[in-house]
Amino acid sequence: GRRLCTVGGRHGYPRETYQPEWFAQVAELEFEGISFPAP
């Protein structure tokens, strides 16, 4: 398989399937005034 996925969440298939390029680099996003990594 090439796609990625997270299994067990509330959204299920196909909403929790991802293209690997989405995670190829990291973006820093603000969450509650603190920077955290995001795809």
Full PDB file with SEQRES, HELIX, SHEET, SSBOND, CRYST1, ORIGX, SCALE, CONECT and MASTER records, all heavy atoms in Angstrom:
SEQRES   1 A   39  GLY ARG ARG LEU CYS THR VAL GLY GLY ARG HIS GLY TYR          
SEQRES   2 A   39  PRO ARG GLU THR TYR GLN PRO GLU TRP PHE ALA GLN VAL          
SEQRES   3 A   39  ALA GLU LEU GLU PHE GLU GLY ILE SER PHE PRO ALA PRO          
HELIX    1 AA1 PRO A   20  PHE A   23  5                                   4    
SHEET    1 AA1 2 LEU A   4  CYS A   5  0                                        
SHEET    2 AA1 2 THR A  17  TYR A  18 -1                                        
SHEET    1 AA2 2 ALA A  27  PHE A  31  0                                        
SHEET    2 AA2 2 ILE A  34  ALA A  38 -1                                        
CRYST1    1.000    1.000    1.000  90.00  90.00  90.00 P 1           1          
ORIGX1      1.000000  0.000000  0.000000        0.00000                         
ORIGX2      0.000000  1.000000  0.000000        0.00000                         
ORIGX3      0.000000  0.000000  1.000000        0.00000                         
SCALE1      1.000000  0.000000  0.000000        0.00000                         
SCALE2      0.000000  1.000000  0.000000        0.00000                         
SCALE3      0.000000  0.000000  1.000000        0.00000                         
ATOM      1  N   GLY A   1       0.815  -1.205   0.000  1.00  0.00           N  
ATOM      2  CA  GLY A   1       0.000   0.000   0.000  1.00  0.00           C  
ATOM      3  C   GLY A   1       0.850   1.256   0.000  1.00  0.00           C  
ATOM      4  O   GLY A   1       1.905   1.297   0.630  1.00  0.00           O  
ATOM      5  N   ARG A   2       0.387   2.280  -0.691  1.00  0.00           N  
ATOM      6  CA  ARG A   2       1.102   3.558  -0.723  1.00  0.00           C  
ATOM      7  C   ARG A   2       0.459   4.585   0.189  1.00  0.00           C  
ATOM      8  O   ARG A   2       1.149   5.344   0.865  1.00  0.00           O  
ATOM      9  CB  ARG A   2       1.157   4.099  -2.158  1.00  0.00           C  
ATOM     10  CG  ARG A   2       1.917   5.428  -2.281  1.00  0.00           C  
ATOM     11  CD  ARG A   2       1.972   5.922  -3.721  1.00  0.00           C  
ATOM     12  NE  ARG A   2       2.670   7.200  -3.796  1.00  0.00           N  
ATOM     13  CZ  ARG A   2       2.089   8.377  -3.630  1.00  0.00           C  
ATOM     14  NH1 ARG A   2       0.777   8.432  -3.382  1.00  0.00           N  
ATOM     15  NH2 ARG A   2       2.797   9.500  -3.718  1.00  0.00           N  
ATOM     16  N   ARG A   3      -0.861   4.603   0.232  1.00  0.00           N  
ATOM     17  CA  ARG A   3      -1.548   5.565   1.089  1.00  0.00           C  
ATOM     18  C   ARG A   3      -1.248   5.306   2.561  1.00  0.00           C  
ATOM     19  O   ARG A   3      -0.899   4.195   2.958  1.00  0.00           O  
ATOM     20  CB  ARG A   3      -3.060   5.478   0.869  1.00  0.00           C  
ATOM     21  CG  ARG A   3      -3.550   6.024  -0.442  1.00  0.00           C  
ATOM     22  CD  ARG A   3      -5.059   5.891  -0.547  1.00  0.00           C  
ATOM     23  NE  ARG A   3      -5.495   4.496  -0.524  1.00  0.00           N  
ATOM     24  CZ  ARG A   3      -6.775   4.113  -0.523  1.00  0.00           C  
ATOM     25  NH1 ARG A   3      -7.730   5.017  -0.532  1.00  0.00           N  
ATOM     26  NH2 ARG A   3      -7.096   2.830  -0.526  1.00  0.00           N  
ATOM     27  N   LEU A   4      -1.437   6.345   3.376  1.00  0.00           N  
ATOM     28  CA  LEU A   4      -1.349   6.218   4.823  1.00  0.00           C  
ATOM     29  C   LEU A   4      -2.744   6.300   5.410  1.00  0.00           C  
ATOM     30  O   LEU A   4      -3.689   6.756   4.761  1.00  0.00           O  
ATOM     31  CB  LEU A   4      -0.472   7.334   5.400  1.00  0.00           C  
ATOM     32  CG  LEU A   4       0.975   7.379   4.914  1.00  0.00           C  
ATOM     33  CD1 LEU A   4       1.671   8.627   5.455  1.00  0.00           C  
ATOM     34  CD2 LEU A   4       1.730   6.130   5.322  1.00  0.00           C  
ATOM     35  N   CYS A   5      -2.876   5.859   6.659  1.00  0.00           N  
ATOM     36  CA  CYS A   5      -4.176   5.934   7.307  1.00  0.00           C  
ATOM     37  C   CYS A   5      -4.010   5.925   8.821  1.00  0.00           C  
ATOM     38  O   CYS A   5      -2.981   5.490   9.347  1.00  0.00           O  
ATOM     39  CB  CYS A   5      -5.084   4.776   6.874  1.00  0.00           C  
ATOM     40  SG  CYS A   5      -4.489   3.138   7.349  1.00  0.00           S  
ATOM     41  N   THR A   6      -5.013   6.430   9.510  1.00  0.00           N  
ATOM     42  CA  THR A   6      -5.161   6.248  10.952  1.00  0.00           C  
ATOM     43  C   THR A   6      -6.460   5.493  11.156  1.00  0.00           C  
ATOM     44  O   THR A   6      -7.508   5.898  10.646  1.00  0.00           O  
ATOM     45  CB  THR A   6      -5.183   7.593  11.703  1.00  0.00           C  
ATOM     46  OG1 THR A   6      -6.143   8.477  11.093  1.00  0.00           O  
ATOM     47  CG2 THR A   6      -3.822   8.251  11.679  1.00  0.00           C  
ATOM     48  N   VAL A   7      -6.390   4.408  11.904  1.00  0.00           N  
ATOM     49  CA  VAL A   7      -7.548   3.531  12.082  1.00  0.00           C  
ATOM     50  C   VAL A   7      -8.016   3.613  13.532  1.00  0.00           C  
ATOM     51  O   VAL A   7      -7.206   3.621  14.454  1.00  0.00           O  
ATOM     52  CB  VAL A   7      -7.201   2.079  11.715  1.00  0.00           C  
ATOM     53  CG1 VAL A   7      -8.421   1.177  11.837  1.00  0.00           C  
ATOM     54  CG2 VAL A   7      -6.644   2.015  10.304  1.00  0.00           C  
ATOM     55  N   GLY A   8      -9.331   3.656  13.724  1.00  0.00           N  
ATOM     56  CA  GLY A   8      -9.884   3.680  15.065  1.00  0.00           C  
ATOM     57  C   GLY A   8     -10.467   5.021  15.465  1.00  0.00           C  
ATOM     58  O   GLY A   8     -11.064   5.137  16.537  1.00  0.00           O  
ATOM     59  N   GLY A   9     -10.299   6.051  14.629  1.00  0.00           N  
ATOM     60  CA  GLY A   9     -10.888   7.353  14.919  1.00  0.00           C  
ATOM     61  C   GLY A   9     -12.369   7.383  14.597  1.00  0.00           C  
ATOM     62  O   GLY A   9     -12.948   6.415  14.102  1.00  0.00           O  
ATOM     63  N   ARG A  10     -12.980   8.524  14.809  1.00  0.00           N  
ATOM     64  CA  ARG A  10     -14.433   8.630  14.634  1.00  0.00           C  
ATOM     65  C   ARG A  10     -14.845   8.814  13.179  1.00  0.00           C  
ATOM     66  O   ARG A  10     -16.032   8.686  12.854  1.00  0.00           O  
ATOM     67  CB  ARG A  10     -14.996   9.775  15.473  1.00  0.00           C  
ATOM     68  CG  ARG A  10     -14.510  11.153  15.121  1.00  0.00           C  
ATOM     69  CD  ARG A  10     -15.349  12.252  15.767  1.00  0.00           C  
ATOM     70  NE  ARG A  10     -15.426  12.120  17.211  1.00  0.00           N  
ATOM     71  CZ  ARG A  10     -16.153  12.926  17.988  1.00  0.00           C  
ATOM     72  NH1 ARG A  10     -16.853  13.924  17.447  1.00  0.00           N  
ATOM     73  NH2 ARG A  10     -16.187  12.761  19.291  1.00  0.00           N  
ATOM     74  N   HIS A  11     -13.890   9.100  12.271  1.00  0.00           N  
ATOM     75  CA  HIS A  11     -14.262   9.412  10.891  1.00  0.00           C  
ATOM     76  C   HIS A  11     -14.214   8.208   9.962  1.00  0.00           C  
ATOM     77  O   HIS A  11     -14.993   8.124   9.021  1.00  0.00           O  
ATOM     78  CB  HIS A  11     -13.371  10.524  10.355  1.00  0.00           C  
ATOM     79  CG  HIS A  11     -13.394  11.756  11.205  1.00  0.00           C  
ATOM     80  ND1 HIS A  11     -14.511  12.551  11.325  1.00  0.00           N  
ATOM     81  CD2 HIS A  11     -12.446  12.310  12.009  1.00  0.00           C  
ATOM     82  CE1 HIS A  11     -14.252  13.547  12.153  1.00  0.00           C  
ATOM     83  NE2 HIS A  11     -13.012  13.418  12.580  1.00  0.00           N  
ATOM     84  N   GLY A  12     -13.299   7.282  10.173  1.00  0.00           N  
ATOM     85  CA  GLY A  12     -13.272   6.050   9.401  1.00  0.00           C  
ATOM     86  C   GLY A  12     -12.821   6.227   7.960  1.00  0.00           C  
ATOM     87  O   GLY A  12     -12.283   7.260   7.551  1.00  0.00           O  
ATOM     88  N   TYR A  13     -13.082   5.179   7.168  1.00  0.00           N  
ATOM     89  CA  TYR A  13     -12.685   5.165   5.762  1.00  0.00           C  
ATOM     90  C   TYR A  13     -13.733   5.883   4.918  1.00  0.00           C  
ATOM     91  O   TYR A  13     -14.935   5.707   5.167  1.00  0.00           O  
ATOM     92  CB  TYR A  13     -12.546   3.718   5.272  1.00  0.00           C  
ATOM     93  CG  TYR A  13     -12.092   3.614   3.835  1.00  0.00           C  
ATOM     94  CD1 TYR A  13     -10.743   3.653   3.526  1.00  0.00           C  
ATOM     95  CD2 TYR A  13     -13.015   3.526   2.800  1.00  0.00           C  
ATOM     96  CE1 TYR A  13     -10.320   3.589   2.208  1.00  0.00           C  
ATOM     97  CE2 TYR A  13     -12.600   3.462   1.488  1.00  0.00           C  
ATOM     98  CZ  TYR A  13     -11.249   3.493   1.199  1.00  0.00           C  
ATOM     99  OH  TYR A  13     -10.835   3.443  -0.104  1.00  0.00           O  
ATOM    100  N   PRO A  14     -13.365   6.683   3.928  1.00  0.00           N  
ATOM    101  CA  PRO A  14     -12.011   7.023   3.449  1.00  0.00           C  
ATOM    102  C   PRO A  14     -11.455   8.317   4.033  1.00  0.00           C  
ATOM    103  O   PRO A  14     -10.401   8.771   3.611  1.00  0.00           O  
ATOM    104  CB  PRO A  14     -12.241   7.171   1.954  1.00  0.00           C  
ATOM    105  CG  PRO A  14     -13.611   7.788   1.864  1.00  0.00           C  
ATOM    106  CD  PRO A  14     -14.412   7.180   2.993  1.00  0.00           C  
ATOM    107  N   ARG A  15     -12.161   8.897   5.011  1.00  0.00           N  
ATOM    108  CA  ARG A  15     -11.786  10.222   5.498  1.00  0.00           C  
ATOM    109  C   ARG A  15     -10.493  10.218   6.305  1.00  0.00           C  
ATOM    110  O   ARG A  15      -9.847  11.254   6.457  1.00  0.00           O  
ATOM    111  CB  ARG A  15     -12.930  10.817   6.319  1.00  0.00           C  
ATOM    112  CG  ARG A  15     -14.159  11.132   5.466  1.00  0.00           C  
ATOM    113  CD  ARG A  15     -15.398  11.340   6.314  1.00  0.00           C  
ATOM    114  NE  ARG A  15     -15.288  12.532   7.144  1.00  0.00           N  
ATOM    115  CZ  ARG A  15     -16.167  12.861   8.079  1.00  0.00           C  
ATOM    116  NH1 ARG A  15     -17.219  12.065   8.298  1.00  0.00           N  
ATOM    117  NH2 ARG A  15     -16.010  13.956   8.803  1.00  0.00           N  
ATOM    118  N   GLU A  16     -10.110   9.044   6.809  1.00  0.00           N  
ATOM    119  CA  GLU A  16      -8.852   8.952   7.545  1.00  0.00           C  
ATOM    120  C   GLU A  16      -7.777   8.240   6.732  1.00  0.00           C  
ATOM    121  O   GLU A  16      -6.926   7.543   7.280  1.00  0.00           O  
ATOM    122  CB  GLU A  16      -9.070   8.264   8.892  1.00  0.00           C  
ATOM    123  CG  GLU A  16      -9.861   9.133   9.862  1.00  0.00           C  
ATOM    124  CD  GLU A  16      -9.901   8.579  11.264  1.00  0.00           C  
ATOM    125  OE1 GLU A  16      -8.849   8.555  11.927  1.00  0.00           O  
ATOM    126  OE2 GLU A  16     -10.990   8.173  11.717  1.00  0.00           O  
ATOM    127  N   THR A  17      -7.804   8.429   5.431  1.00  0.00           N  
ATOM    128  CA  THR A  17      -6.717   7.983   4.561  1.00  0.00           C  
ATOM    129  C   THR A  17      -6.020   9.218   4.008  1.00  0.00           C  
ATOM    130  O   THR A  17      -6.655  10.257   3.771  1.00  0.00           O  
ATOM    131  CB  THR A  17      -7.230   7.105   3.407  1.00  0.00           C  
ATOM    132  OG1 THR A  17      -8.156   7.864   2.611  1.00  0.00           O  
ATOM    133  CG2 THR A  17      -7.929   5.864   3.945  1.00  0.00           C  
ATOM    134  N   TYR A  18      -4.706   9.099   3.780  1.00  0.00           N  
ATOM    135  CA  TYR A  18      -3.899  10.266   3.463  1.00  0.00           C  
ATOM    136  C   TYR A  18      -2.872   9.933   2.384  1.00  0.00           C  
ATOM    137  O   TYR A  18      -2.395   8.793   2.294  1.00  0.00           O  
ATOM    138  CB  TYR A  18      -3.155  10.762   4.713  1.00  0.00           C  
ATOM    139  CG  TYR A  18      -3.967  10.691   5.974  1.00  0.00           C  
ATOM    140  CD1 TYR A  18      -3.687   9.727   6.950  1.00  0.00           C  
ATOM    141  CD2 TYR A  18      -5.020  11.566   6.200  1.00  0.00           C  
ATOM    142  CE1 TYR A  18      -4.441   9.645   8.109  1.00  0.00           C  
ATOM    143  CE2 TYR A  18      -5.781  11.490   7.357  1.00  0.00           C  
ATOM    144  CZ  TYR A  18      -5.486  10.522   8.314  1.00  0.00           C  
ATOM    145  OH  TYR A  18      -6.235  10.438   9.454  1.00  0.00           O  
ATOM    146  N   GLN A  19      -2.508  10.935   1.613  1.00  0.00           N  
ATOM    147  CA  GLN A  19      -1.406  10.793   0.679  1.00  0.00           C  
ATOM    148  C   GLN A  19      -0.090  11.022   1.421  1.00  0.00           C  
ATOM    149  O   GLN A  19       0.000  11.950   2.243  1.00  0.00           O  
ATOM    150  CB  GLN A  19      -1.546  11.787  -0.470  1.00  0.00           C  
ATOM    151  CG  GLN A  19      -2.786  11.579  -1.327  1.00  0.00           C  
ATOM    152  CD  GLN A  19      -2.835  10.184  -1.941  1.00  0.00           C  
ATOM    153  OE1 GLN A  19      -1.813   9.641  -2.372  1.00  0.00           O  
ATOM    154  NE2 GLN A  19      -4.017   9.599  -1.973  1.00  0.00           N  
ATOM    155  N   PRO A  20       0.917  10.195   1.176  1.00  0.00           N  
ATOM    156  CA  PRO A  20       2.170  10.335   1.935  1.00  0.00           C  
ATOM    157  C   PRO A  20       2.831  11.692   1.772  1.00  0.00           C  
ATOM    158  O   PRO A  20       3.506  12.167   2.695  1.00  0.00           O  
ATOM    159  CB  PRO A  20       3.049   9.200   1.396  1.00  0.00           C  
ATOM    160  CG  PRO A  20       2.412   8.757   0.130  1.00  0.00           C  
ATOM    161  CD  PRO A  20       0.957   9.046   0.250  1.00  0.00           C  
ATOM    162  N   GLU A  21       2.623  12.357   0.628  1.00  0.00           N  
ATOM    163  CA  GLU A  21       3.260  13.665   0.436  1.00  0.00           C  
ATOM    164  C   GLU A  21       2.710  14.727   1.399  1.00  0.00           C  
ATOM    165  O   GLU A  21       3.362  15.738   1.650  1.00  0.00           O  
ATOM    166  CB  GLU A  21       3.117  14.144  -1.008  1.00  0.00           C  
ATOM    167  CG  GLU A  21       1.708  14.180  -1.545  1.00  0.00           C  
ATOM    168  CD  GLU A  21       1.325  12.912  -2.307  1.00  0.00           C  
ATOM    169  OE1 GLU A  21       1.879  11.835  -1.992  1.00  0.00           O  
ATOM    170  OE2 GLU A  21       0.467  13.026  -3.202  1.00  0.00           O  
ATOM    171  N   TRP A  22       1.505  14.498   1.947  1.00  0.00           N  
ATOM    172  CA  TRP A  22       0.979  15.443   2.926  1.00  0.00           C  
ATOM    173  C   TRP A  22       1.856  15.499   4.167  1.00  0.00           C  
ATOM    174  O   TRP A  22       1.879  16.508   4.885  1.00  0.00           O  
ATOM    175  CB  TRP A  22      -0.452  15.078   3.313  1.00  0.00           C  
ATOM    176  CG  TRP A  22      -1.425  15.082   2.182  1.00  0.00           C  
ATOM    177  CD1 TRP A  22      -1.221  15.546   0.915  1.00  0.00           C  
ATOM    178  CD2 TRP A  22      -2.771  14.581   2.196  1.00  0.00           C  
ATOM    179  NE1 TRP A  22      -2.347  15.369   0.146  1.00  0.00           N  
ATOM    180  CE2 TRP A  22      -3.318  14.780   0.898  1.00  0.00           C  
ATOM    181  CE3 TRP A  22      -3.565  13.986   3.168  1.00  0.00           C  
ATOM    182  CZ2 TRP A  22      -4.613  14.404   0.562  1.00  0.00           C  
ATOM    183  CZ3 TRP A  22      -4.866  13.608   2.851  1.00  0.00           C  
ATOM    184  CH2 TRP A  22      -5.376  13.814   1.553  1.00  0.00           C  
ATOM    185  N   PHE A  23       2.557  14.401   4.451  1.00  0.00           N  
ATOM    186  CA  PHE A  23       3.395  14.315   5.645  1.00  0.00           C  
ATOM    187  C   PHE A  23       4.883  14.409   5.318  1.00  0.00           C  
ATOM    188  O   PHE A  23       5.713  14.222   6.201  1.00  0.00           O  
ATOM    189  CB  PHE A  23       3.134  12.992   6.373  1.00  0.00           C  
ATOM    190  CG  PHE A  23       1.766  12.908   6.999  1.00  0.00           C  
ATOM    191  CD1 PHE A  23       0.675  12.464   6.278  1.00  0.00           C  
ATOM    192  CD2 PHE A  23       1.579  13.280   8.326  1.00  0.00           C  
ATOM    193  CE1 PHE A  23      -0.586  12.390   6.856  1.00  0.00           C  
ATOM    194  CE2 PHE A  23       0.326  13.213   8.909  1.00  0.00           C  
ATOM    195  CZ  PHE A  23      -0.770  12.764   8.174  1.00  0.00           C  
ATOM    196  N   ALA A  24       5.217  14.699   4.066  1.00  0.00           N  
ATOM    197  CA  ALA A  24       6.623  14.717   3.660  1.00  0.00           C  
ATOM    198  C   ALA A  24       7.385  15.858   4.321  1.00  0.00           C  
ATOM    199  O   ALA A  24       8.590  15.753   4.550  1.00  0.00           O  
ATOM    200  CB  ALA A  24       6.727  14.817   2.142  1.00  0.00           C  
ATOM    201  N   GLN A  25       6.690  16.951   4.630  1.00  0.00           N  
ATOM    202  CA  GLN A  25       7.308  18.076   5.310  1.00  0.00           C  
ATOM    203  C   GLN A  25       6.431  18.489   6.484  1.00  0.00           C  
ATOM    204  O   GLN A  25       5.265  18.087   6.577  1.00  0.00           O  
ATOM    205  CB  GLN A  25       7.507  19.250   4.350  1.00  0.00           C  
ATOM    206  CG  GLN A  25       8.481  18.946   3.210  1.00  0.00           C  
ATOM    207  CD  GLN A  25       8.696  20.146   2.307  1.00  0.00           C  
ATOM    208  OE1 GLN A  25       8.275  21.254   2.609  1.00  0.00           O  
ATOM    209  NE2 GLN A  25       9.376  19.922   1.187  1.00  0.00           N  
ATOM    210  N   VAL A  26       7.008  19.278   7.364  1.00  0.00           N  
ATOM    211  CA  VAL A  26       6.322  19.684   8.596  1.00  0.00           C  
ATOM    212  C   VAL A  26       5.993  21.169   8.533  1.00  0.00           C  
ATOM    213  O   VAL A  26       6.824  21.986   8.097  1.00  0.00           O  
ATOM    214  CB  VAL A  26       7.185  19.388   9.834  1.00  0.00           C  
ATOM    215  CG1 VAL A  26       6.502  19.893  11.109  1.00  0.00           C  
ATOM    216  CG2 VAL A  26       7.456  17.892   9.945  1.00  0.00           C  
ATOM    217  N   ALA A  27       4.787  21.512   8.965  1.00  0.00           N  
ATOM    218  CA  ALA A  27       4.404  22.906   9.157  1.00  0.00           C  
ATOM    219  C   ALA A  27       4.208  23.138  10.651  1.00  0.00           C  
ATOM    220  O   ALA A  27       3.730  22.252  11.361  1.00  0.00           O  
ATOM    221  CB  ALA A  27       3.103  23.214   8.405  1.00  0.00           C  
ATOM    222  N   GLU A  28       4.578  24.308  11.122  1.00  0.00           N  
ATOM    223  CA  GLU A  28       4.361  24.657  12.530  1.00  0.00           C  
ATOM    224  C   GLU A  28       3.099  25.511  12.620  1.00  0.00           C  
ATOM    225  O   GLU A  28       2.993  26.544  11.957  1.00  0.00           O  
ATOM    226  CB  GLU A  28       5.567  25.423  13.084  1.00  0.00           C  
ATOM    227  CG  GLU A  28       6.830  24.584  13.188  1.00  0.00           C  
ATOM    228  CD  GLU A  28       6.754  23.528  14.286  1.00  0.00           C  
ATOM    229  OE1 GLU A  28       6.046  23.775  15.298  1.00  0.00           O  
ATOM    230  OE2 GLU A  28       7.401  22.472  14.137  1.00  0.00           O  
ATOM    231  N   LEU A  29       2.128  25.040  13.422  1.00  0.00           N  
ATOM    232  CA  LEU A  29       0.871  25.763  13.579  1.00  0.00           C  
ATOM    233  C   LEU A  29       0.665  26.151  15.039  1.00  0.00           C  
ATOM    234  O   LEU A  29       1.065  25.421  15.951  1.00  0.00           O  
ATOM    235  CB  LEU A  29      -0.303  24.892  13.118  1.00  0.00           C  
ATOM    236  CG  LEU A  29      -0.345  24.488  11.644  1.00  0.00           C  
ATOM    237  CD1 LEU A  29      -1.596  23.656  11.364  1.00  0.00           C  
ATOM    238  CD2 LEU A  29      -0.303  25.702  10.733  1.00  0.00           C  
ATOM    239  N   GLU A  30       0.020  27.286  15.231  1.00  0.00           N  
ATOM    240  CA  GLU A  30      -0.257  27.761  16.582  1.00  0.00           C  
ATOM    241  C   GLU A  30      -1.472  27.028  17.155  1.00  0.00           C  
ATOM    242  O   GLU A  30      -2.514  26.919  16.505  1.00  0.00           O  
ATOM    243  CB  GLU A  30      -0.526  29.262  16.565  1.00  0.00           C  
ATOM    244  CG  GLU A  30      -0.849  29.845  17.941  1.00  0.00           C  
ATOM    245  CD  GLU A  30      -1.183  31.320  17.904  1.00  0.00           C  
ATOM    246  OE1 GLU A  30      -0.757  31.996  16.935  1.00  0.00           O  
ATOM    247  OE2 GLU A  30      -1.878  31.791  18.822  1.00  0.00           O  
ATOM    248  N   PHE A  31      -1.310  26.533  18.373  1.00  0.00           N  
ATOM    249  CA  PHE A  31      -2.413  25.903  19.097  1.00  0.00           C  
ATOM    250  C   PHE A  31      -2.345  26.387  20.541  1.00  0.00           C  
ATOM    251  O   PHE A  31      -1.382  26.100  21.243  1.00  0.00           O  
ATOM    252  CB  PHE A  31      -2.299  24.376  19.030  1.00  0.00           C  
ATOM    253  CG  PHE A  31      -3.458  23.642  19.651  1.00  0.00           C  
ATOM    254  CD1 PHE A  31      -4.615  23.403  18.927  1.00  0.00           C  
ATOM    255  CD2 PHE A  31      -3.395  23.191  20.966  1.00  0.00           C  
ATOM    256  CE1 PHE A  31      -5.686  22.731  19.504  1.00  0.00           C  
ATOM    257  CE2 PHE A  31      -4.455  22.527  21.547  1.00  0.00           C  
ATOM    258  CZ  PHE A  31      -5.606  22.286  20.818  1.00  0.00           C  
ATOM    259  N   GLU A  32      -3.328  27.183  20.944  1.00  0.00           N  
ATOM    260  CA  GLU A  32      -3.363  27.761  22.289  1.00  0.00           C  
ATOM    261  C   GLU A  32      -2.090  28.563  22.592  1.00  0.00           C  
ATOM    262  O   GLU A  32      -1.525  28.497  23.683  1.00  0.00           O  
ATOM    263  CB  GLU A  32      -3.574  26.675  23.336  1.00  0.00           C  
ATOM    264  CG  GLU A  32      -4.899  25.932  23.210  1.00  0.00           C  
ATOM    265  CD  GLU A  32      -6.108  26.815  23.521  1.00  0.00           C  
ATOM    266  OE1 GLU A  32      -5.967  27.724  24.367  1.00  0.00           O  
ATOM    267  OE2 GLU A  32      -7.185  26.597  22.920  1.00  0.00           O  
ATOM    268  N   GLY A  33      -1.636  29.314  21.578  1.00  0.00           N  
ATOM    269  CA  GLY A  33      -0.494  30.190  21.764  1.00  0.00           C  
ATOM    270  C   GLY A  33       0.852  29.505  21.721  1.00  0.00           C  
ATOM    271  O   GLY A  33       1.879  30.139  21.979  1.00  0.00           O  
ATOM    272  N   ILE A  34       0.888  28.210  21.372  1.00  0.00           N  
ATOM    273  CA  ILE A  34       2.127  27.433  21.335  1.00  0.00           C  
ATOM    274  C   ILE A  34       2.248  26.802  19.953  1.00  0.00           C  
ATOM    275  O   ILE A  34       1.247  26.388  19.359  1.00  0.00           O  
ATOM    276  CB  ILE A  34       2.126  26.342  22.425  1.00  0.00           C  
ATOM    277  CG1 ILE A  34       1.874  26.969  23.802  1.00  0.00           C  
ATOM    278  CG2 ILE A  34       3.444  25.576  22.428  1.00  0.00           C  
ATOM    279  CD1 ILE A  34       1.587  25.953  24.890  1.00  0.00           C  
ATOM    280  N   SER A  35       3.455  26.709  19.445  1.00  0.00           N  
ATOM    281  CA  SER A  35       3.687  26.131  18.125  1.00  0.00           C  
ATOM    282  C   SER A  35       3.864  24.625  18.231  1.00  0.00           C  
ATOM    283  O   SER A  35       4.644  24.129  19.051  1.00  0.00           O  
ATOM    284  CB  SER A  35       4.935  26.756  17.504  1.00  0.00           C  
ATOM    285  OG  SER A  35       5.193  26.203  16.236  1.00  0.00           O  
ATOM    286  N   PHE A  36       3.112  23.894  17.382  1.00  0.00           N  
ATOM    287  CA  PHE A  36       3.193  22.432  17.337  1.00  0.00           C  
ATOM    288  C   PHE A  36       3.329  21.979  15.886  1.00  0.00           C  
ATOM    289  O   PHE A  36       2.870  22.662  14.964  1.00  0.00           O  
ATOM    290  CB  PHE A  36       1.944  21.794  17.950  1.00  0.00           C  
ATOM    291  CG  PHE A  36       1.827  21.964  19.431  1.00  0.00           C  
ATOM    292  CD1 PHE A  36       1.005  22.952  19.959  1.00  0.00           C  
ATOM    293  CD2 PHE A  36       2.528  21.139  20.297  1.00  0.00           C  
ATOM    294  CE1 PHE A  36       0.886  23.113  21.336  1.00  0.00           C  
ATOM    295  CE2 PHE A  36       2.415  21.289  21.670  1.00  0.00           C  
ATOM    296  CZ  PHE A  36       1.595  22.282  22.189  1.00  0.00           C  
ATOM    297  N   PRO A  37       3.932  20.810  15.660  1.00  0.00           N  
ATOM    298  CA  PRO A  37       4.093  20.308  14.294  1.00  0.00           C  
ATOM    299  C   PRO A  37       2.783  19.789  13.713  1.00  0.00           C  
ATOM    300  O   PRO A  37       1.965  19.172  14.412  1.00  0.00           O  
ATOM    301  CB  PRO A  37       5.128  19.183  14.446  1.00  0.00           C  
ATOM    302  CG  PRO A  37       4.979  18.725  15.857  1.00  0.00           C  
ATOM    303  CD  PRO A  37       4.605  19.936  16.646  1.00  0.00           C  
ATOM    304  N   ALA A  38       2.608  20.033  12.431  1.00  0.00           N  
ATOM    305  CA  ALA A  38       1.454  19.545  11.673  1.00  0.00           C  
ATOM    306  C   ALA A  38       1.957  19.112  10.305  1.00  0.00           C  
ATOM    307  O   ALA A  38       3.011  19.550   9.851  1.00  0.00           O  
ATOM    308  CB  ALA A  38       0.398  20.639  11.529  1.00  0.00           C  
ATOM    309  N   PRO A  39       1.226  18.240   9.628  1.00  0.00           N  
ATOM    310  CA  PRO A  39       1.632  17.893   8.260  1.00  0.00           C  
ATOM    311  C   PRO A  39       1.561  19.122   7.362  1.00  0.00           C  
ATOM    312  O   PRO A  39       0.605  19.901   7.431  1.00  0.00           O  
ATOM    313  CB  PRO A  39       0.619  16.825   7.848  1.00  0.00           C  
ATOM    314  CG  PRO A  39      -0.542  16.998   8.763  1.00  0.00           C  
ATOM    315  CD  PRO A  39       0.009  17.507  10.045  1.00  0.00           C  
TER     316      PRO A  39                                                      
MASTER        0    0    0    1    4    0    0    6  315    1    0    3          
END                                                                             
